[in-house]
Amino acid sequence: MTFDEMDETADSGDTLTKRDLVTRISKETGFTQLDVFAIIQKALDGIVDALEAGKHVEFREFGVFEVTQRKARIGRNPNKPEDVVHIPGRKVVKFKPGKRMRQMLAAKQDPS
């Protein structure tokens, strides 16, 4: 299944949900939706476990997930600029798209 095929078959409007993906893969492979759901969930759990362990998760041509540390910073309430809010540093998951995904997204950009 390609990104284009997923885009054309998404049942949830502009969002492809896990449920949409399970249904699509189940129809294409003949596996039950419960089996497909279990496989997808195991894959997602594996990604989360690897990120928790501090590893990078790389899928060739798709992209790389990694955990990065955001620095602590000071924010301000736009309605009351004199109010200073201290925002603590935290870990966040960063995704860097792979070459093939970047090319596909660039090809789909509107010329406007």
Protein backbone atom coordinates (compact mmCIF):
# COMPACT_ATOMS: atom_id res chain seq x y z
CA MET A 1 0.00 0.00 0.00
CA THR A 2 1.42 3.39 -0.97
CA PHE A 3 0.91 6.75 0.70
CA ASP A 4 -1.30 7.75 -2.23
CA GLU A 5 -3.53 4.70 -1.79
CA MET A 6 -3.89 5.42 1.92
CA ASP A 7 -4.78 9.01 1.12
CA GLU A 8 -7.50 7.95 -1.33
CA THR A 9 -9.07 5.38 1.01
CA ALA A 10 -9.05 7.21 4.33
CA ASP A 11 -12.54 7.08 5.82
CA SER A 12 -12.00 9.72 8.50
CA GLY A 13 -11.91 12.82 6.34
CA ASP A 14 -8.44 14.36 6.30
CA THR A 15 -7.07 11.98 8.94
CA LEU A 16 -5.89 8.41 8.52
CA THR A 17 -6.65 6.68 11.80
CA LYS A 18 -5.31 3.40 13.12
CA ARG A 19 -8.78 1.95 12.51
CA ASP A 20 -8.69 3.04 8.83
CA LEU A 21 -5.27 1.45 8.43
CA VAL A 22 -6.40 -1.80 10.09
CA THR A 23 -9.46 -2.01 7.83
CA ARG A 24 -7.43 -1.32 4.70
CA ILE A 25 -4.71 -3.87 5.49
CA SER A 26 -7.29 -6.46 6.52
CA LYS A 27 -9.13 -6.13 3.19
CA GLU A 28 -5.90 -6.31 1.18
CA THR A 29 -4.32 -9.25 3.00
CA GLY A 30 -7.30 -11.32 4.10
CA PHE A 31 -6.08 -11.29 7.71
CA THR A 32 -8.71 -10.61 10.36
CA GLN A 33 -8.96 -7.08 11.67
CA LEU A 34 -8.06 -8.36 15.16
CA ASP A 35 -4.83 -9.89 13.84
CA VAL A 36 -3.92 -6.75 11.88
CA PHE A 37 -4.73 -4.55 14.89
CA ALA A 38 -2.50 -6.71 17.12
CA ILE A 39 0.40 -6.46 14.66
CA ILE A 40 0.08 -2.68 14.26
CA GLN A 41 -0.18 -2.22 18.03
CA LYS A 42 2.91 -4.38 18.61
CA ALA A 43 4.83 -2.30 16.05
CA LEU A 44 3.78 0.96 17.72
CA ASP A 45 4.63 -0.44 21.16
CA GLY A 46 8.07 -1.43 19.85
CA ILE A 47 8.67 2.10 18.58
CA VAL A 48 7.68 3.61 21.93
CA ASP A 49 9.82 1.11 23.86
CA ALA A 50 12.85 1.90 21.68
CA LEU A 51 12.35 5.66 22.12
CA GLU A 52 12.01 5.22 25.90
CA ALA A 53 15.34 3.35 25.85
CA GLY A 54 16.95 6.33 24.11
CA LYS A 55 17.30 4.69 20.71
CA HIS A 56 16.64 6.23 17.30
CA VAL A 57 13.96 4.42 15.30
CA GLU A 58 14.72 4.41 11.59
CA PHE A 59 12.53 3.21 8.73
CA ARG A 60 14.45 3.54 5.48
CA GLU A 61 12.79 5.92 3.00
CA PHE A 62 10.06 6.70 5.57
CA GLY A 63 11.87 8.57 8.31
CA VAL A 64 13.55 8.63 11.70
CA PHE A 65 12.03 9.09 15.14
CA GLU A 66 14.26 10.33 17.95
CA VAL A 67 13.93 11.81 21.41
CA THR A 68 15.40 15.27 21.90
CA GLN A 69 15.61 17.52 24.94
CA ARG A 70 13.92 20.93 24.74
CA LYS A 71 15.58 23.64 26.79
CA ALA A 72 13.76 25.41 29.60
CA ARG A 73 12.54 28.81 28.54
CA ILE A 74 10.51 31.79 29.64
CA GLY A 75 7.11 32.43 28.12
CA ARG A 76 4.71 35.32 28.40
CA ASN A 77 0.95 35.58 28.47
CA PRO A 78 0.06 37.58 25.33
CA ASN A 79 -2.89 39.16 27.15
CA LYS A 80 -0.73 40.20 30.12
CA PRO A 81 2.88 40.55 28.87
CA GLU A 82 4.07 41.44 32.38
CA ASP A 83 3.21 37.88 33.53
CA VAL A 84 6.26 35.67 33.12
CA VAL A 85 5.76 31.91 32.85
CA HIS A 86 8.68 29.55 33.40
CA ILE A 87 8.43 26.64 30.97
CA PRO A 88 10.57 23.70 32.10
CA GLY A 89 12.74 21.68 29.75
CA ARG A 90 11.28 18.40 28.57
CA LYS A 91 11.84 15.49 26.24
CA VAL A 92 9.98 15.47 22.93
CA VAL A 93 9.80 13.05 20.03
CA LYS A 94 11.13 14.47 16.78
CA PHE A 95 10.36 12.98 13.37
CA LYS A 96 12.56 13.58 10.36
CA PRO A 97 11.01 12.39 7.09
CA GLY A 98 13.10 10.19 4.84
CA LYS A 99 14.20 11.09 1.33
CA ARG A 100 11.37 9.27 -0.44
CA MET A 101 8.71 10.87 1.79
CA ARG A 102 10.22 14.34 1.28
CA GLN A 103 10.19 13.80 -2.49
CA MET A 104 6.57 12.61 -2.47
CA LEU A 105 5.45 15.56 -0.34
CA ALA A 106 7.36 18.03 -2.51
CA ALA A 107 5.71 16.59 -5.64
CA LYS A 108 2.25 17.06 -4.10
CA GLN A 109 2.74 20.72 -3.13
CA ASP A 110 0.29 23.18 -4.64
CA PRO A 111 1.91 25.56 -7.12
CA SER A 112 0.18 28.52 -5.41
